[in-house]
């Protein structure tokens, strides 16, 4: 297949992944309204998706032995904390607003890198972070006391953004460890295997909190209200599991290795657009003019922050990989943080 055709195919898969991820909140909101708690909906998403991806986990059964810390960190932070906070947020504030607040994650990541790790960030990335913060102020309408938004819901969405930062940091450290020539484990970590085990571990961690034995299972056999339309609850759960999780990750994994970091970052930002539009059309959750402007600023700032060479890393130690120049090696180090953040398959998604 020609290179141009492969690129178009990868772009199409990335767009499909972003659209699939964007529909999770819209499908979850009616289930929460029907009587399931946000934690129970998150657990159902994890447990059912883990069962579907069980063959993937079996295929990568060496991952728990090679990277136990990474799997636990991803399961706890990237899956349980991020998705739990996001689903709790959408139970109290509009879906689009919750996801736009979550996209503060890249800006917070730059703050962590600059002030905690004391590593330099590019000027463009700093501007992107500031634009994101300005957009967030418009989205939550702080001058009107959050514009009527539930403060607890806003805090939960901010928690999801912090969870994204935690996962990015865990992922970066694990990637550096896997690439260490002196390290015992140099084999690459398959993102789909990481996803399968992350969902499985997340479901086990949430077990005592979701208490599936106390779920009113008859609710899943009934109807749920989606913007005035009655739909079978099982159809909505199936959408969350098969489309917004399994298909989203499969297409994301298939596309990420064929797209550049800038393209992947821009496509990933479309998830928030899709979620906002779907919530507007299907749930009647309209945004006013300042929130729309703020949402655009959040997405633009997030894209700039993720794709502008966010982290200027230290010089590489040791020999340059065969077939690469020293300049190329340094360039890879300088953008490593960006690639971690924008990977559609590796990102903690809503």
Protein backbone atom coordinates (compact mmCIF):
# COMPACT_ATOMS: atom_id res chain seq x y z
CA UNK A 1 0.00 0.00 0.00
CA UNK A 2 1.42 3.44 -0.93
CA UNK A 3 2.54 5.68 1.92
CA UNK A 4 -0.11 8.29 1.16
CA UNK A 5 -2.86 5.67 1.29
CA UNK A 6 -1.53 4.33 4.59
CA UNK A 7 -1.52 7.84 6.04
CA UNK A 8 -5.10 8.45 4.94
CA UNK A 9 -6.15 5.13 6.42
CA UNK A 10 -4.40 5.92 9.71
CA UNK A 11 -6.03 9.36 9.82
CA UNK A 12 -9.43 7.79 9.23
CA UNK A 13 -8.87 5.30 12.05
CA UNK A 14 -7.75 8.11 14.38
CA UNK A 15 -10.86 10.12 13.55
CA UNK A 16 -13.02 7.05 14.20
CA UNK A 17 -11.26 6.55 17.53
CA UNK A 18 -11.86 10.16 18.60
CA UNK A 19 -15.53 9.95 17.62
CA UNK A 20 -15.95 6.64 19.47
CA UNK A 21 -14.34 7.99 22.64
CA UNK A 22 -16.47 11.13 22.43
CA UNK A 23 -19.69 9.15 22.72
CA UNK A 24 -18.97 7.55 26.09
CA UNK A 25 -20.34 10.35 28.26
CA UNK A 26 -23.49 10.81 26.19
CA UNK A 27 -24.31 7.10 26.53
CA UNK A 28 -23.41 6.97 30.23
CA UNK A 29 -25.51 9.97 31.27
CA UNK A 30 -28.90 8.19 30.70
CA UNK A 31 -27.72 5.11 32.61
CA UNK A 32 -26.83 7.29 35.59
CA UNK A 33 -30.20 9.00 35.28
CA UNK A 34 -31.91 5.60 35.25
CA UNK A 35 -30.61 4.80 38.71
CA UNK A 36 -27.08 3.42 38.36
CA UNK A 37 -24.38 5.28 40.25
CA UNK A 38 -21.41 6.76 38.32
CA UNK A 39 -19.10 4.23 40.00
CA UNK A 40 -21.30 1.34 38.89
CA UNK A 41 -21.39 2.59 35.30
CA UNK A 42 -17.59 2.93 35.29
CA UNK A 43 -17.25 -0.59 36.72
CA UNK A 44 -19.59 -2.04 34.10
CA UNK A 45 -17.59 -0.32 31.38
CA UNK A 46 -14.30 -1.69 32.71
CA UNK A 47 -15.49 -5.19 33.53
CA UNK A 48 -17.34 -5.79 30.26
CA UNK A 49 -14.55 -4.28 28.16
CA UNK A 50 -11.97 -6.35 30.03
CA UNK A 51 -13.94 -9.50 29.18
CA UNK A 52 -14.04 -8.54 25.50
CA UNK A 53 -10.30 -7.84 25.53
CA UNK A 54 -9.45 -10.93 27.59
CA UNK A 55 -7.82 -12.67 24.58
CA UNK A 56 -5.51 -9.66 24.29
CA UNK A 57 -4.56 -9.97 27.96
CA UNK A 58 -3.84 -13.68 27.50
CA UNK A 59 -1.67 -12.92 24.48
CA UNK A 60 0.34 -10.42 26.53
CA UNK A 61 0.39 -12.48 29.72
CA UNK A 62 4.05 -11.60 30.31
CA UNK A 63 3.20 -7.93 30.95
CA UNK A 64 2.37 -8.35 34.68
CA UNK A 65 5.77 -9.92 35.21
CA UNK A 66 7.69 -7.35 33.16
CA UNK A 67 5.89 -4.16 34.20
CA UNK A 68 3.80 -4.70 37.36
CA UNK A 69 4.21 -1.10 38.53
CA UNK A 70 3.10 0.35 35.23
CA UNK A 71 0.01 -1.85 35.06
CA UNK A 72 -1.02 -0.97 38.61
CA UNK A 73 -0.37 2.73 38.00
CA UNK A 74 -2.32 2.73 34.75
CA UNK A 75 -5.18 0.75 36.28
CA UNK A 76 -5.44 3.00 39.34
CA UNK A 77 -4.71 6.42 37.81
CA UNK A 78 -5.35 6.14 34.08
CA UNK A 79 -8.48 4.02 34.34
CA UNK A 80 -10.12 4.13 37.78
CA UNK A 81 -9.34 7.71 38.79
CA UNK A 82 -9.78 9.39 35.39
CA UNK A 83 -12.92 7.56 34.32
CA UNK A 84 -14.40 7.64 37.81
CA UNK A 85 -13.94 11.40 38.09
CA UNK A 86 -15.23 11.98 34.56
CA UNK A 87 -18.38 9.89 34.97
CA UNK A 88 -19.07 11.46 38.36
CA UNK A 89 -18.62 14.90 36.78
CA UNK A 90 -21.10 14.25 33.96
CA UNK A 91 -23.68 13.21 36.54
CA UNK A 92 -23.61 16.81 37.83
CA UNK A 93 -22.49 19.05 34.93
CA UNK A 94 -22.94 18.92 31.12
CA UNK A 95 -20.89 16.31 29.25
CA UNK A 96 -19.15 18.83 27.00
CA UNK A 97 -18.15 21.06 29.91
CA UNK A 98 -16.73 18.09 31.86
CA UNK A 99 -14.61 16.92 28.94
CA UNK A 100 -13.36 20.43 28.15
CA UNK A 101 -12.26 20.82 31.78
CA UNK A 102 -10.52 17.45 31.53
CA UNK A 103 -8.53 18.82 28.57
CA UNK A 104 -6.79 21.09 31.06
CA UNK A 105 -4.58 18.02 31.59
CA UNK A 106 -1.86 18.93 29.03
CA UNK A 107 -1.49 22.41 30.55
CA UNK A 108 -1.22 20.93 34.05
CA UNK A 109 1.34 18.44 32.75
CA UNK A 110 3.52 21.31 31.53
CA UNK A 111 3.26 22.92 34.96
CA UNK A 112 4.40 19.67 36.56
CA UNK A 113 7.32 19.37 34.16
CA UNK A 114 8.40 22.98 34.65
CA UNK A 115 7.98 23.42 38.41
CA UNK A 116 8.29 19.89 39.82
CA UNK A 117 10.74 18.23 37.44
CA UNK A 118 12.41 21.60 36.74
CA UNK A 119 12.73 20.90 33.03
CA UNK A 120 12.41 23.53 30.37
CA UNK A 121 9.29 23.83 28.24
CA UNK A 122 9.06 25.63 24.92
CA UNK A 123 7.60 29.09 24.63
CA UNK A 124 4.87 27.82 22.29
CA UNK A 125 3.86 25.16 24.81
CA UNK A 126 3.66 27.80 27.56
CA UNK A 127 1.44 29.97 25.37
CA UNK A 128 -0.76 26.95 24.68
CA UNK A 129 -1.12 26.30 28.41
CA UNK A 130 -2.09 29.93 29.06
CA UNK A 131 -4.64 29.83 26.24
CA UNK A 132 -6.11 26.66 27.75
CA UNK A 133 -6.44 28.34 31.15
CA UNK A 134 -8.15 31.37 29.60
CA UNK A 135 -10.55 29.09 27.74
CA UNK A 136 -11.32 27.17 30.92
CA UNK A 137 -12.27 30.44 32.66
CA UNK A 138 -14.82 31.07 29.90
CA UNK A 139 -16.15 27.50 29.97
CA UNK A 140 -16.88 27.55 33.72
CA UNK A 141 -17.86 31.27 33.70
CA UNK A 142 -16.08 32.00 36.96
CA UNK A 143 -17.28 35.63 36.95
CA UNK A 144 -20.84 34.36 37.46
CA UNK A 145 -20.03 31.93 40.26
CA UNK A 146 -19.32 29.08 37.81
CA UNK A 147 -22.32 30.08 35.71
CA UNK A 148 -24.67 27.84 37.68
CA UNK A 149 -22.42 24.79 37.31
CA UNK A 150 -22.28 22.37 40.21
CA UNK A 151 -18.98 23.05 42.06
CA UNK A 152 -18.58 19.37 42.98
CA UNK A 153 -18.96 18.40 39.32
CA UNK A 154 -16.35 20.96 38.30
CA UNK A 155 -13.95 19.62 40.95
CA UNK A 156 -14.54 16.07 39.70
CA UNK A 157 -13.69 17.13 36.14
CA UNK A 158 -10.54 18.83 37.44
CA UNK A 159 -9.74 15.55 39.19
CA UNK A 160 -9.95 13.79 35.82
CA UNK A 161 -7.50 16.35 34.40
CA UNK A 162 -5.10 15.68 37.29
CA UNK A 163 -5.49 11.96 36.65
CA UNK A 164 -4.38 12.52 33.05
CA UNK A 165 -1.24 14.21 34.36
CA UNK A 166 -0.55 11.28 36.67
CA UNK A 167 -0.87 8.79 33.86
CA UNK A 168 1.35 10.84 31.54
CA UNK A 169 4.07 10.91 34.21
CA UNK A 170 3.77 7.16 34.86
CA UNK A 171 3.87 6.45 31.13
CA UNK A 172 6.91 8.64 30.55
CA UNK A 173 8.88 6.98 33.36
CA UNK A 174 7.96 3.48 32.20
CA UNK A 175 8.91 4.33 28.62
CA UNK A 176 12.30 5.64 29.74
CA UNK A 177 12.85 2.47 31.76
CA UNK A 178 11.94 0.22 28.84
CA UNK A 179 14.31 2.11 26.55
CA UNK A 180 17.25 1.99 29.00
CA UNK A 181 20.04 -0.03 27.34
CA UNK A 182 21.18 -1.18 30.81
CA UNK A 183 17.72 -2.21 31.87
CA UNK A 184 16.64 -5.85 31.98
CA UNK A 185 13.35 -5.19 30.15
CA UNK A 186 13.80 -3.44 26.82
CA UNK A 187 10.87 -4.95 24.94
CA UNK A 188 8.29 -2.34 23.90
CA UNK A 189 5.03 -2.18 25.78
CA UNK A 190 2.09 -2.97 23.53
CA UNK A 191 -0.55 -0.26 24.15
CA UNK A 192 -3.43 -2.64 23.52
CA UNK A 193 -2.04 -5.10 26.06
CA UNK A 194 -1.62 -2.20 28.49
CA UNK A 195 -5.25 -1.22 27.88
CA UNK A 196 -6.54 -4.77 28.43
CA UNK A 197 -4.71 -5.16 31.74
CA UNK A 198 -5.53 -1.60 32.81
CA UNK A 199 -9.24 -2.26 32.40
CA UNK A 200 -8.98 -5.63 34.15
CA UNK A 201 -7.05 -4.19 37.09
CA UNK A 202 -9.36 -1.18 37.22
CA UNK A 203 -12.43 -3.41 37.42
CA UNK A 204 -10.86 -5.40 40.28
CA UNK A 205 -9.88 -2.22 42.15
CA UNK A 206 -13.38 -0.79 41.86
CA UNK A 207 -15.07 -4.00 42.98
CA UNK A 208 -15.53 -3.03 46.67
CA UNK A 209 -16.76 0.46 45.73
CA UNK A 210 -19.08 -0.45 42.86
CA UNK A 211 -20.46 -3.46 44.77
CA UNK A 212 -21.90 -5.17 41.70
CA UNK A 213 -23.81 -7.56 43.95
CA UNK A 214 -25.94 -4.57 44.99
CA UNK A 215 -26.60 -3.30 41.45
CA UNK A 216 -30.27 -3.31 40.49
CA UNK A 217 -29.67 -5.45 37.41
CA UNK A 218 -33.27 -5.07 36.32
CA UNK A 219 -32.39 -1.49 35.36
CA UNK A 220 -30.29 -2.85 32.50
CA UNK A 221 -33.34 -4.71 31.22
CA UNK A 222 -35.41 -1.55 31.19
CA UNK A 223 -35.40 1.75 29.34
CA UNK A 224 -33.27 4.87 29.79
CA UNK A 225 -34.07 8.40 28.69
CA UNK A 226 -31.76 9.85 26.03
CA UNK A 227 -32.88 13.42 25.43
CA UNK A 228 -36.57 12.49 25.56
CA UNK A 229 -36.16 9.24 23.61
CA UNK A 230 -36.54 5.94 25.44
CA UNK A 231 -33.82 3.44 24.59
CA UNK A 232 -32.97 0.00 26.04
CA UNK A 233 -30.36 0.41 28.74
CA UNK A 234 -28.45 -2.57 27.38
CA UNK A 235 -28.07 -0.80 24.03
CA UNK A 236 -26.46 2.18 25.79
CA UNK A 237 -24.18 -0.09 27.83
CA UNK A 238 -23.25 -1.98 24.66
CA UNK A 239 -22.36 1.33 23.01
CA UNK A 240 -20.12 2.30 25.94
CA UNK A 241 -18.35 -1.07 25.96
CA UNK A 242 -18.08 -2.04 22.30
CA UNK A 243 -17.89 1.39 20.62
CA UNK A 244 -16.62 3.91 23.18
CA UNK A 245 -14.05 1.55 24.69
CA UNK A 246 -13.10 -1.52 22.63
CA UNK A 247 -13.48 -0.03 19.14
CA UNK A 248 -12.04 3.29 20.31
CA UNK A 249 -8.87 1.68 21.65
CA UNK A 250 -8.48 -0.76 18.74
CA UNK A 251 -8.67 2.00 16.14
CA UNK A 252 -6.47 4.25 18.25
CA UNK A 253 -3.77 1.60 18.52
CA UNK A 254 -3.97 0.89 14.79
CA UNK A 255 -3.49 4.57 13.92
CA UNK A 256 -1.02 5.89 16.46
CA UNK A 257 2.14 4.33 15.02
CA UNK A 258 1.41 5.77 11.57
CA UNK A 259 0.65 9.37 12.53
CA UNK A 260 3.00 12.16 13.55
CA UNK A 261 2.62 13.67 17.01
CA UNK A 262 1.11 16.97 15.74
CA UNK A 263 -1.54 15.20 13.66
CA UNK A 264 -2.37 12.76 16.45
CA UNK A 265 -2.68 15.62 18.94
CA UNK A 266 -5.10 17.58 16.78
CA UNK A 267 -7.22 14.49 16.06
CA UNK A 268 -7.34 13.56 19.76
CA UNK A 269 -8.71 17.02 20.57
CA UNK A 270 -11.71 16.26 18.33
CA UNK A 271 -12.99 13.95 21.07
CA UNK A 272 -14.16 16.97 23.05
CA UNK A 273 -15.82 18.45 19.96
CA UNK A 274 -17.68 15.20 19.27
CA UNK A 275 -18.78 14.87 22.90
CA UNK A 276 -20.02 18.46 23.01
CA UNK A 277 -21.95 18.17 19.74
CA UNK A 278 -23.50 14.83 20.70
CA UNK A 279 -24.52 16.17 24.12
CA UNK A 280 -26.02 19.23 22.41
CA UNK A 281 -28.00 17.20 19.87
CA UNK A 282 -28.95 14.12 21.91
CA UNK A 283 -29.18 15.47 25.46
CA UNK A 284 -30.11 19.08 24.79
CA UNK A 285 -27.09 20.32 26.79
CA UNK A 286 -26.50 23.62 25.01
CA UNK A 287 -23.45 25.80 25.61
CA UNK A 288 -23.78 29.57 25.56
CA UNK A 289 -21.56 31.85 23.47
CA UNK A 290 -18.78 32.42 26.08
CA UNK A 291 -18.57 28.67 26.71
CA UNK A 292 -18.30 27.92 22.99
CA UNK A 293 -15.48 30.48 22.63
CA UNK A 294 -13.85 29.10 25.76
CA UNK A 295 -14.14 25.54 24.47
CA UNK A 296 -12.39 26.49 21.24
CA UNK A 297 -9.61 28.15 23.23
CA UNK A 298 -9.23 25.06 25.42
CA UNK A 299 -8.89 22.80 22.38
CA UNK A 300 -6.49 25.12 20.56
CA UNK A 301 -4.37 25.55 23.66
CA UNK A 302 -4.36 21.81 24.37
CA UNK A 303 -3.29 21.04 20.80
CA UNK A 304 -0.47 23.61 20.94
CA UNK A 305 0.67 22.41 24.36
CA UNK A 306 0.76 18.79 23.19
CA UNK A 307 2.34 19.22 19.77
CA UNK A 308 4.92 21.97 20.10
CA UNK A 309 7.76 19.96 21.57
CA UNK A 310 6.45 20.29 25.09
CA UNK A 311 9.43 18.95 26.97
CA UNK A 312 13.03 19.83 26.35
CA UNK A 313 14.66 16.76 27.82
CA UNK A 314 18.25 16.28 28.90
CA UNK A 315 20.85 15.16 26.40
CA UNK A 316 20.80 11.45 25.65
CA UNK A 317 23.48 9.41 27.35
CA UNK A 318 25.13 6.55 25.57
CA UNK A 319 25.50 5.77 21.86
CA UNK A 320 23.08 7.02 19.27
CA UNK A 321 20.86 4.32 17.79
CA UNK A 322 22.16 2.84 14.58
CA UNK A 323 20.82 4.66 11.54
CA UNK A 324 20.04 7.87 13.45
CA UNK A 325 21.98 11.10 13.66
CA UNK A 326 22.73 12.87 16.92
CA UNK A 327 20.34 15.65 15.91
CA UNK A 328 17.52 13.16 15.33
CA UNK A 329 18.21 11.53 18.68
CA UNK A 330 18.08 14.87 20.48
CA UNK A 331 14.86 15.77 18.68
CA UNK A 332 13.28 12.54 19.86
CA UNK A 333 14.18 13.36 23.45
CA UNK A 334 12.84 16.90 23.15
CA UNK A 335 9.40 15.72 22.06
CA UNK A 336 9.06 12.57 24.13
CA UNK A 337 6.67 14.19 26.54
CA UNK A 338 4.48 15.39 23.70
CA UNK A 339 4.25 11.98 22.10
CA UNK A 340 3.23 10.48 25.42
CA UNK A 341 0.47 13.02 25.82
CA UNK A 342 -1.03 12.80 22.38
CA UNK A 343 -1.04 9.07 21.78
CA UNK A 344 -4.67 8.20 21.14
CA UNK A 345 -4.13 4.70 22.40
CA UNK A 346 -2.03 5.55 25.40
CA UNK A 347 -3.94 8.49 26.75
CA UNK A 348 -6.29 8.13 29.67
CA UNK A 349 -9.52 8.87 27.91
CA UNK A 350 -12.99 9.76 29.10
